[in-house]
Amino acid sequence: MAAVFERTNQYFNARSQAAERNRHAVLLLQVGAAAVLLTLAFAGIAQAGGPVGGFGVGVLIVFAGIAIGGLLGFLFSVPRVLAKDNSITPTVAATTSTTAGTSPRAAALDDQNVSGKERLLGSNTNLERISEWLTTMLVGVGLTEVDSLGDSFRSFSDFLAERATLAGGSQSAGILPTVGPFLLIAGSVSGFIFFYLYTRLYLSPLFLYVETLLTNPGAAELKTEVAEEVRHLATSLPQNDPMISYASRAASLSVSDSLNVIASQLYQSDGYDKAIDLGNKLAATPAAKLSRYWFLMAAAYGQKHHYLPSDASAEERRTTRNSVLNAAHKAVELSDSARSSLKALTDRDAIDNDLQDFANDPDFKRIVE
């Protein structure tokens, strides 16, 4: 029971984190758009003469410093993607359910264990490589050229004294040559601190989310029409399972949510038809990359095969059998640990005996043994 509540809390936390990620991504976009508009506005103000023009130039200097410092802060805080040993075979993790107990079907192939194979698609790490190279270079060059900073700021002051003029051509630099370098430093430090912290605290979860989608398709969000099908089916199931209760009322659902609904549906009377129907709709989603999806489809087709009426045609029996074998083959292909879980479903005396008709099937045995 404790595991169920823990898993439920993870689901709610995941949804809250998704909303938080979206909010911070939108906020960064809004800040960027506002910065561009303000830069254009103050560029226009800088064309005026006197103190107003000087104020516009000063703000532009601060914005330039923020842009430079922000870029450096981002480069210094880009998270690294850690290399993983993909050769390790995933272990079978328990998918606890109040309706499933600790049965083989419930314990088989946790959706976090995507595959026993190596990943064929990975993140593009060019940005982090560039970040590492640039930060190393900047620190090295900065330390060797620190003595020339005074000359650089002096040149910047001279540039302001020469270029900051009134519209009529008269000199209007005022105190800008004096305060200009300080404005640039203040903007650079502020931009560096802001973007460093923003990347570390808020953008890093976005990088992590992308990695999660690549390594765990079960975390992918379902499209609206498919999510509606899952939600509708979840509402017809007993609501004593927190995961099913969540799936019946959540605003957005993941692939893992849909697999939980299918697993629960297999414990309902004649539930295999609805499970198969929903499973077929998930075939075009990232669910097809999960061994657990094919394991559940094999169980659903196994139930259908067992409950076929005595007058069922030979073609229908052959098609259903082939569906079981195909699903079982794909489950094993994605995770070798599926063999023992599928084999456990052939025990006629077990609670979960969805594949009891295949206990002596030679083709099925070749798949699971």
Foldseek 3Di string as FASTA:
>chain_A
DVVLVVVLVVVVVLVVLVVLLVVLVVVVVVVVVVLVVLLVVLVVQLQAAAPSVLVSVLVNLLSVLLVQLQVLLQLVQPDDDDDDDLQDFDDFAAQDWPLPHRALLRRGADLLRLFSDDQPDDDDCPSNVVSVVVVVVCVVVCVVCVVCPVVVLLVVLVVLQPPRAHNVGHGHSPCCSVCSVVSSVVSNVVSNVVNNCCCNPRVVVVVVVVRSCRSGVQAAWDDPVLLVLLLVLLVVADPPRVLSVCSVDPPIHGNVSSLVSLSRLLSDDVSLVSSLVSLVVCCPGCNLSHLSSLLSQLLSLLQVLVPDDPPDDPVVNVVSVVSNLVSLQSSCNGHVVVLVSSQSLLDPPDPRVSNVVCNPPPSNVVRSD
